[in-house]
Amino acid sequence: MSTEGSAPDKENGLIRLLDLRMAAEAKAIAATTDSISATLTELEVPEEKRFEIALAVQEALANAVVHGCENDPSKEVRCRLERDLAGAIVITVRDPGPGFGANSIADPMQSENLCRGSCRGVYLIRQLMDEVQFENGGNQLRMWKY
């Protein structure tokens, strides 16, 4: 994992706190999530919000590694932590994959999908965060916690 431009930087009304790049492998997810959690602690984000953000980031990174990068460690996932002037936390996760249609994901709460082993990550992210947007054809996820 590498950190790029970790000094606060105003862009589009956001203050960039972390800009992390990680190899697309499962073992890199924990270190990236830990870096974000540590920064949230420094910002004195309440514990419950930190937990929800960390879990959403973990899910987003796992989806990027598995689906966007097809578990290819030569590919890279980028994760940014930003804060707006009102104090909202903004996390962006981007992978080099082709993207996907976020609206085409099956609802894991429907009875026919309860036993499926997939589709829960995006559902969980949407439950944990206050706002979620899929951008750039679906290979970039932006999440807000107010």
N, C-alpha and C. Protein backbone atom coordinates (compact mmCIF):
# COMPACT_ATOMS: atom_id res chain seq x y z
N MET A 1 0.86 -1.17 0.00
CA MET A 1 0.00 0.00 0.00
C MET A 1 0.90 1.22 0.00
N SER A 2 0.52 2.20 -0.80
CA SER A 2 1.26 3.46 -0.80
C SER A 2 0.31 4.61 -0.56
N THR A 3 0.84 5.66 0.05
CA THR A 3 0.06 6.85 0.35
C THR A 3 0.54 7.94 -0.57
N GLU A 4 -0.41 8.65 -1.12
CA GLU A 4 -0.09 9.73 -2.05
C GLU A 4 -0.84 10.98 -1.62
N GLY A 5 -0.17 12.07 -1.52
CA GLY A 5 -0.84 13.33 -1.23
C GLY A 5 -1.65 13.29 0.04
N SER A 6 -1.06 12.78 1.14
CA SER A 6 -1.84 12.65 2.36
C SER A 6 -2.04 13.97 3.09
N ALA A 7 -1.35 15.02 2.68
CA ALA A 7 -1.58 16.32 3.29
C ALA A 7 -2.93 16.86 2.83
N PRO A 8 -3.64 17.57 3.70
CA PRO A 8 -4.95 18.11 3.30
C PRO A 8 -4.84 18.94 2.03
N ASP A 9 -5.76 18.71 1.11
CA ASP A 9 -5.75 19.36 -0.19
C ASP A 9 -7.20 19.62 -0.59
N LYS A 10 -7.54 20.87 -0.82
CA LYS A 10 -8.92 21.19 -1.18
C LYS A 10 -9.15 20.92 -2.66
N GLU A 11 -10.15 20.10 -2.94
CA GLU A 11 -10.52 19.76 -4.32
C GLU A 11 -12.04 19.57 -4.34
N ASN A 12 -12.71 20.34 -5.18
CA ASN A 12 -14.17 20.25 -5.27
C ASN A 12 -14.85 20.45 -3.92
N GLY A 13 -14.32 21.33 -3.10
CA GLY A 13 -14.92 21.60 -1.80
C GLY A 13 -14.61 20.53 -0.76
N LEU A 14 -13.74 19.60 -1.08
CA LEU A 14 -13.37 18.52 -0.16
C LEU A 14 -11.92 18.68 0.27
N ILE A 15 -11.64 18.29 1.50
CA ILE A 15 -10.27 18.29 2.00
C ILE A 15 -9.78 16.85 1.94
N ARG A 16 -8.77 16.61 1.14
CA ARG A 16 -8.23 15.26 0.99
C ARG A 16 -7.35 14.93 2.19
N LEU A 17 -7.68 13.84 2.87
CA LEU A 17 -6.93 13.42 4.05
C LEU A 17 -6.02 12.24 3.76
N LEU A 18 -6.47 11.33 2.96
CA LEU A 18 -5.67 10.16 2.55
C LEU A 18 -5.95 9.86 1.09
N ASP A 19 -4.91 9.43 0.39
CA ASP A 19 -5.04 8.96 -0.99
C ASP A 19 -4.17 7.71 -1.07
N LEU A 20 -4.80 6.56 -0.92
CA LEU A 20 -4.09 5.29 -0.80
C LEU A 20 -4.20 4.47 -2.08
N ARG A 21 -3.12 3.79 -2.41
CA ARG A 21 -3.11 2.85 -3.52
C ARG A 21 -2.68 1.51 -2.96
N MET A 22 -3.44 0.48 -3.30
CA MET A 22 -3.11 -0.85 -2.80
C MET A 22 -3.13 -1.87 -3.93
N ALA A 23 -2.28 -2.87 -3.80
CA ALA A 23 -2.30 -3.99 -4.75
C ALA A 23 -3.63 -4.71 -4.58
N ALA A 24 -4.15 -5.20 -5.67
CA ALA A 24 -5.46 -5.87 -5.65
C ALA A 24 -5.32 -7.29 -5.11
N GLU A 25 -5.12 -7.35 -3.81
CA GLU A 25 -5.05 -8.65 -3.14
C GLU A 25 -5.71 -8.53 -1.77
N ALA A 26 -6.33 -9.61 -1.36
CA ALA A 26 -7.13 -9.59 -0.13
C ALA A 26 -6.33 -9.14 1.08
N LYS A 27 -5.06 -9.53 1.16
CA LYS A 27 -4.28 -9.20 2.35
C LYS A 27 -4.00 -7.70 2.48
N ALA A 28 -4.18 -6.93 1.43
CA ALA A 28 -3.95 -5.48 1.49
C ALA A 28 -5.17 -4.73 2.03
N ILE A 29 -6.32 -5.37 2.08
CA ILE A 29 -7.55 -4.71 2.50
C ILE A 29 -7.47 -4.25 3.95
N ALA A 30 -6.96 -5.09 4.83
CA ALA A 30 -6.90 -4.76 6.26
C ALA A 30 -6.03 -3.54 6.52
N ALA A 31 -4.88 -3.45 5.88
CA ALA A 31 -3.98 -2.31 6.10
C ALA A 31 -4.62 -1.00 5.62
N THR A 32 -5.30 -1.05 4.51
CA THR A 32 -5.96 0.15 3.99
C THR A 32 -7.10 0.56 4.92
N THR A 33 -7.90 -0.39 5.35
CA THR A 33 -8.99 -0.10 6.27
C THR A 33 -8.45 0.44 7.60
N ASP A 34 -7.36 -0.13 8.08
CA ASP A 34 -6.74 0.34 9.33
C ASP A 34 -6.27 1.78 9.21
N SER A 35 -5.69 2.15 8.06
CA SER A 35 -5.24 3.53 7.85
C SER A 35 -6.41 4.50 7.90
N ILE A 36 -7.51 4.11 7.28
CA ILE A 36 -8.69 4.97 7.29
C ILE A 36 -9.25 5.07 8.71
N SER A 37 -9.33 3.96 9.41
CA SER A 37 -9.84 3.97 10.78
C SER A 37 -8.97 4.84 11.69
N ALA A 38 -7.66 4.75 11.53
CA ALA A 38 -6.75 5.56 12.36
C ALA A 38 -6.97 7.05 12.10
N THR A 39 -7.15 7.41 10.84
CA THR A 39 -7.39 8.82 10.51
C THR A 39 -8.73 9.29 11.07
N LEU A 40 -9.74 8.44 11.00
CA LEU A 40 -11.05 8.79 11.56
C LEU A 40 -10.96 8.97 13.08
N THR A 41 -10.13 8.17 13.73
CA THR A 41 -9.92 8.32 15.17
C THR A 41 -9.27 9.67 15.47
N GLU A 42 -8.26 10.03 14.67
CA GLU A 42 -7.59 11.33 14.84
C GLU A 42 -8.58 12.48 14.64
N LEU A 43 -9.54 12.30 13.75
CA LEU A 43 -10.55 13.33 13.50
C LEU A 43 -11.65 13.35 14.56
N GLU A 44 -11.55 12.42 15.51
CA GLU A 44 -12.53 12.28 16.59
C GLU A 44 -13.94 11.96 16.08
N VAL A 45 -13.98 11.15 15.03
CA VAL A 45 -15.26 10.65 14.53
C VAL A 45 -15.78 9.66 15.57
N PRO A 46 -17.05 9.76 15.94
CA PRO A 46 -17.59 8.85 16.96
C PRO A 46 -17.39 7.37 16.58
N GLU A 47 -17.19 6.56 17.60
CA GLU A 47 -16.86 5.14 17.41
C GLU A 47 -17.85 4.41 16.52
N GLU A 48 -19.15 4.61 16.73
CA GLU A 48 -20.15 3.91 15.92
C GLU A 48 -20.01 4.26 14.44
N LYS A 49 -19.80 5.53 14.14
CA LYS A 49 -19.60 5.94 12.74
C LYS A 49 -18.32 5.36 12.18
N ARG A 50 -17.25 5.34 12.98
CA ARG A 50 -15.97 4.76 12.52
C ARG A 50 -16.16 3.29 12.15
N PHE A 51 -16.89 2.56 12.98
CA PHE A 51 -17.14 1.14 12.72
C PHE A 51 -17.92 0.96 11.42
N GLU A 52 -18.96 1.75 11.25
CA GLU A 52 -19.78 1.64 10.03
C GLU A 52 -18.97 1.99 8.78
N ILE A 53 -18.19 3.04 8.85
CA ILE A 53 -17.36 3.44 7.72
C ILE A 53 -16.33 2.36 7.40
N ALA A 54 -15.67 1.85 8.44
CA ALA A 54 -14.64 0.83 8.22
C ALA A 54 -15.22 -0.42 7.58
N LEU A 55 -16.38 -0.84 8.02
CA LEU A 55 -17.01 -2.03 7.43
C LEU A 55 -17.41 -1.78 5.98
N ALA A 56 -17.95 -0.60 5.71
CA ALA A 56 -18.31 -0.25 4.32
C ALA A 56 -17.07 -0.20 3.43
N VAL A 57 -15.98 0.36 3.94
CA VAL A 57 -14.73 0.43 3.17
C VAL A 57 -14.21 -0.97 2.90
N GLN A 58 -14.26 -1.83 3.91
CA GLN A 58 -13.81 -3.22 3.74
C GLN A 58 -14.59 -3.91 2.62
N GLU A 59 -15.89 -3.74 2.63
CA GLU A 59 -16.74 -4.35 1.59
C GLU A 59 -16.42 -3.77 0.21
N ALA A 60 -16.27 -2.45 0.14
CA ALA A 60 -15.97 -1.80 -1.14
C ALA A 60 -14.63 -2.25 -1.69
N LEU A 61 -13.63 -2.35 -0.82
CA LEU A 61 -12.30 -2.80 -1.26
C LEU A 61 -12.34 -4.26 -1.70
N ALA A 62 -13.08 -5.09 -0.96
CA ALA A 62 -13.19 -6.51 -1.35
C ALA A 62 -13.84 -6.64 -2.71
N ASN A 63 -14.91 -5.85 -2.96
CA ASN A 63 -15.55 -5.89 -4.28
C ASN A 63 -14.59 -5.43 -5.37
N ALA A 64 -13.81 -4.39 -5.09
CA ALA A 64 -12.87 -3.88 -6.08
C ALA A 64 -11.80 -4.93 -6.40
N VAL A 65 -11.29 -5.59 -5.37
CA VAL A 65 -10.25 -6.62 -5.57
C VAL A 65 -10.82 -7.81 -6.35
N VAL A 66 -11.95 -8.33 -5.90
CA VAL A 66 -12.52 -9.55 -6.49
C VAL A 66 -13.14 -9.30 -7.86
N HIS A 67 -14.00 -8.30 -7.95
CA HIS A 67 -14.74 -8.08 -9.20
C HIS A 67 -14.04 -7.13 -10.16
N GLY A 68 -13.53 -6.02 -9.66
CA GLY A 68 -12.90 -5.03 -10.52
C GLY A 68 -11.52 -5.44 -11.01
N CYS A 69 -10.77 -6.13 -10.14
CA CYS A 69 -9.39 -6.51 -10.49
C CYS A 69 -9.21 -8.01 -10.68
N GLU A 70 -10.28 -8.77 -10.47
CA GLU A 70 -10.25 -10.23 -10.62
C GLU A 70 -9.10 -10.88 -9.85
N ASN A 71 -8.85 -10.37 -8.62
CA ASN A 71 -7.80 -10.90 -7.74
C ASN A 71 -6.41 -10.86 -8.36
N ASP A 72 -6.16 -9.92 -9.24
CA ASP A 72 -4.86 -9.79 -9.91
C ASP A 72 -4.02 -8.76 -9.15
N PRO A 73 -3.02 -9.22 -8.37
CA PRO A 73 -2.22 -8.30 -7.55
C PRO A 73 -1.37 -7.31 -8.36
N SER A 74 -1.29 -7.50 -9.67
CA SER A 74 -0.56 -6.53 -10.49
C SER A 74 -1.44 -5.30 -10.76
N LYS A 75 -2.74 -5.42 -10.46
CA LYS A 75 -3.65 -4.29 -10.62
C LYS A 75 -3.73 -3.52 -9.31
N GLU A 76 -4.26 -2.32 -9.40
CA GLU A 76 -4.26 -1.43 -8.24
C GLU A 76 -5.65 -0.88 -7.93
N VAL A 77 -5.96 -0.79 -6.65
CA VAL A 77 -7.19 -0.18 -6.17
C VAL A 77 -6.80 1.11 -5.47
N ARG A 78 -7.56 2.15 -5.73
CA ARG A 78 -7.28 3.45 -5.11
C ARG A 78 -8.40 3.77 -4.13
N CYS A 79 -8.03 4.29 -2.97
CA CYS A 79 -9.01 4.62 -1.94
C CYS A 79 -8.66 6.00 -1.38
N ARG A 80 -9.62 6.90 -1.45
CA ARG A 80 -9.43 8.26 -0.92
C ARG A 80 -10.36 8.49 0.27
N LEU A 81 -9.82 9.19 1.25
CA LEU A 81 -10.60 9.65 2.39
C LEU A 81 -10.59 11.17 2.34
N GLU A 82 -11.78 11.76 2.30
CA GLU A 82 -11.91 13.21 2.25
C GLU A 82 -12.96 13.64 3.25
N ARG A 83 -12.94 14.93 3.52
CA ARG A 83 -13.93 15.51 4.43
C ARG A 83 -14.40 16.82 3.83
N ASP A 84 -15.70 17.09 3.90
CA ASP A 84 -16.17 18.36 3.39
C ASP A 84 -16.13 19.41 4.51
N LEU A 85 -16.43 20.64 4.17
CA LEU A 85 -16.32 21.73 5.13
C LEU A 85 -17.32 21.61 6.27
N ALA A 86 -18.40 20.85 6.08
CA ALA A 86 -19.40 20.64 7.13
C ALA A 86 -19.02 19.45 8.03
N GLY A 87 -17.95 18.73 7.69
CA GLY A 87 -17.49 17.61 8.50
C GLY A 87 -17.90 16.24 8.00
N ALA A 88 -18.64 16.17 6.90
CA ALA A 88 -19.03 14.86 6.35
C ALA A 88 -17.80 14.12 5.84
N ILE A 89 -17.79 12.83 6.03
CA ILE A 89 -16.71 11.96 5.56
C ILE A 89 -17.09 11.44 4.18
N VAL A 90 -16.14 11.49 3.25
CA VAL A 90 -16.36 11.00 1.89
C VAL A 90 -15.25 10.00 1.58
N ILE A 91 -15.64 8.80 1.20
CA ILE A 91 -14.69 7.75 0.82
C ILE A 91 -14.93 7.42 -0.65
N THR A 92 -13.86 7.37 -1.43
CA THR A 92 -13.95 6.98 -2.83
C THR A 92 -13.06 5.76 -3.05
N VAL A 93 -13.62 4.73 -3.65
CA VAL A 93 -12.87 3.52 -4.00
C VAL A 93 -12.98 3.34 -5.50
N ARG A 94 -11.82 3.20 -6.16
CA ARG A 94 -11.81 3.06 -7.62
C ARG A 94 -10.92 1.90 -8.02
N ASP A 95 -11.38 1.14 -9.01
CA ASP A 95 -10.59 0.03 -9.54
C ASP A 95 -10.52 0.16 -11.06
N PRO A 96 -9.61 -0.58 -11.71
CA PRO A 96 -9.45 -0.45 -13.16
C PRO A 96 -10.41 -1.33 -13.97
N GLY A 97 -11.35 -1.97 -13.31
CA GLY A 97 -12.26 -2.89 -13.99
C GLY A 97 -13.24 -2.19 -14.90
N PRO A 98 -14.05 -2.97 -15.61
CA PRO A 98 -15.01 -2.42 -16.56
C PRO A 98 -16.24 -1.79 -15.91
N GLY A 99 -16.40 -1.98 -14.60
CA GLY A 99 -17.58 -1.44 -13.91
C GLY A 99 -18.74 -2.41 -14.00
N PHE A 100 -19.89 -1.94 -13.52
CA PHE A 100 -21.09 -2.78 -13.53
C PHE A 100 -22.30 -1.88 -13.33
N GLY A 101 -23.46 -2.44 -13.59
CA GLY A 101 -24.70 -1.71 -13.37
C GLY A 101 -25.17 -1.93 -11.95
N ALA A 102 -25.00 -0.94 -11.09
CA ALA A 102 -25.35 -1.08 -9.67
C ALA A 102 -26.83 -1.42 -9.47
N ASN A 103 -27.67 -0.98 -10.37
CA ASN A 103 -29.10 -1.26 -10.24
C ASN A 103 -29.47 -2.67 -10.67
N SER A 104 -28.53 -3.38 -11.29
CA SER A 104 -28.82 -4.74 -11.76
C SER A 104 -28.49 -5.79 -10.71
N ILE A 105 -27.99 -5.38 -9.56
CA ILE A 105 -27.63 -6.33 -8.51
C ILE A 105 -28.90 -6.85 -7.84
N ALA A 106 -28.95 -8.14 -7.66
CA ALA A 106 -30.11 -8.76 -7.02
C ALA A 106 -30.21 -8.32 -5.56
N ASP A 107 -31.42 -8.13 -5.10
CA ASP A 107 -31.66 -7.76 -3.71
C ASP A 107 -31.46 -9.00 -2.83
N PRO A 108 -30.44 -8.99 -1.94
CA PRO A 108 -30.18 -10.18 -1.13
C PRO A 108 -31.26 -10.46 -0.09
N MET A 109 -32.19 -9.53 0.10
CA MET A 109 -33.25 -9.73 1.08
C MET A 109 -34.47 -10.43 0.48
N GLN A 110 -34.52 -10.58 -0.83
CA GLN A 110 -35.61 -11.31 -1.48
C GLN A 110 -35.43 -12.80 -1.20
N SER A 111 -36.51 -13.50 -0.98
CA SER A 111 -36.44 -14.90 -0.58
C SER A 111 -35.63 -15.76 -1.55
N GLU A 112 -35.73 -15.50 -2.84
CA GLU A 112 -34.99 -16.32 -3.82
C GLU A 112 -33.48 -16.07 -3.78
N ASN A 113 -33.05 -15.00 -3.10
CA ASN A 113 -31.62 -14.66 -3.04
C ASN A 113 -30.99 -14.89 -1.68
N LEU A 114 -31.77 -15.34 -0.70
CA LEU A 114 -31.26 -15.47 0.66
C LEU A 114 -30.07 -16.41 0.78
N CYS A 115 -30.01 -17.43 -0.04
CA CYS A 115 -28.93 -18.41 0.06
C CYS A 115 -27.79 -18.16 -0.93
N ARG A 116 -27.90 -17.11 -1.71
CA ARG A 116 -26.82 -16.78 -2.66
C ARG A 116 -25.61 -16.29 -1.89
N GLY A 117 -24.45 -16.61 -2.39
CA GLY A 117 -23.22 -16.21 -1.71
C GLY A 117 -22.69 -14.85 -2.13
N SER A 118 -23.44 -14.14 -2.96
CA SER A 118 -22.95 -12.84 -3.41
C SER A 118 -24.06 -11.80 -3.33
N CYS A 119 -23.75 -10.59 -3.71
CA CYS A 119 -24.69 -9.46 -3.75
C CYS A 119 -24.92 -8.81 -2.40
N ARG A 120 -24.27 -9.27 -1.36
CA ARG A 120 -24.50 -8.68 -0.05
C ARG A 120 -23.63 -7.47 0.22
N GLY A 121 -22.48 -7.37 -0.43
CA GLY A 121 -21.55 -6.27 -0.18
C GLY A 121 -22.15 -4.91 -0.49
N VAL A 122 -22.72 -4.76 -1.67
CA VAL A 122 -23.32 -3.48 -2.07
C VAL A 122 -24.51 -3.17 -1.17
N TYR A 123 -25.30 -4.18 -0.85
CA TYR A 123 -26.44 -3.98 0.06
C TYR A 123 -25.94 -3.47 1.41
N LEU A 124 -24.91 -4.10 1.94
CA LEU A 124 -24.37 -3.70 3.24
C LEU A 124 -23.81 -2.28 3.20
N ILE A 125 -23.09 -1.94 2.15
CA ILE A 125 -22.55 -0.59 2.00
C ILE A 125 -23.68 0.43 2.03
N ARG A 126 -24.74 0.14 1.31
CA ARG A 126 -25.88 1.06 1.26
C ARG A 126 -26.56 1.21 2.63
N GLN A 127 -26.54 0.15 3.42
CA GLN A 127 -27.15 0.21 4.75
C GLN A 127 -26.27 0.99 5.74
N LEU A 128 -24.97 0.88 5.59
CA LEU A 128 -24.03 1.48 6.54
C LEU A 128 -23.76 2.96 6.29
N MET A 129 -23.79 3.36 5.03
CA MET A 129 -23.44 4.74 4.69
C MET A 129 -24.70 5.57 4.43
N ASP A 130 -24.57 6.88 4.54
CA ASP A 130 -25.72 7.77 4.37
C ASP A 130 -26.05 8.04 2.91
N GLU A 131 -25.05 8.00 2.07
CA GLU A 131 -25.25 8.21 0.63
C GLU A 131 -24.20 7.40 -0.11
N VAL A 132 -24.61 6.77 -1.21
CA VAL A 132 -23.71 5.92 -2.01
C VAL A 132 -23.96 6.21 -3.48
N GLN A 133 -22.89 6.44 -4.23
CA GLN A 133 -23.01 6.66 -5.67
C GLN A 133 -21.99 5.80 -6.40
N PHE A 134 -22.44 5.17 -7.48
CA PHE A 134 -21.55 4.44 -8.36
C PHE A 134 -21.29 5.34 -9.56
N GLU A 135 -20.03 5.58 -9.86
CA GLU A 135 -19.65 6.53 -10.90
C GLU A 135 -18.72 5.86 -11.91
N ASN A 136 -18.47 6.56 -12.99
CA ASN A 136 -17.52 6.10 -14.00
C ASN A 136 -17.87 4.70 -14.51
N GLY A 137 -19.15 4.47 -14.79
CA GLY A 137 -19.57 3.17 -15.30
C GLY A 137 -19.61 2.08 -14.24
N GLY A 138 -19.46 2.45 -12.98
CA GLY A 138 -19.54 1.47 -11.90
C GLY A 138 -18.20 1.04 -11.33
N ASN A 139 -17.09 1.55 -11.86
CA ASN A 139 -15.80 1.14 -11.29
C ASN A 139 -15.28 2.15 -10.25
N GLN A 140 -16.12 3.11 -9.91
CA GLN A 140 -15.80 4.04 -8.83
C GLN A 140 -17.00 4.16 -7.92
N LEU A 141 -16.75 4.01 -6.64
CA LEU A 141 -17.79 4.08 -5.62
C LEU A 141 -17.46 5.25 -4.70
N ARG A 142 -18.45 6.12 -4.49
CA ARG A 142 -18.28 7.26 -3.58
C ARG A 142 -19.33 7.10 -2.48
N MET A 143 -18.86 7.16 -1.22
CA MET A 143 -19.74 6.94 -0.07
C MET A 143 -19.61 8.12 0.89
N TRP A 144 -20.74 8.54 1.45
CA TRP A 144 -20.76 9.65 2.40
C TRP A 144 -21.29 9.17 3.75
N LYS A 145 -20.69 9.71 4.79
CA LYS A 145 -21.21 9.53 6.16
C LYS A 145 -21.30 10.91 6.77
N TYR A 146 -22.52 11.32 7.12
CA TYR A 146 -22.75 12.69 7.64
C TYR A 146 -22.66 12.71 9.15
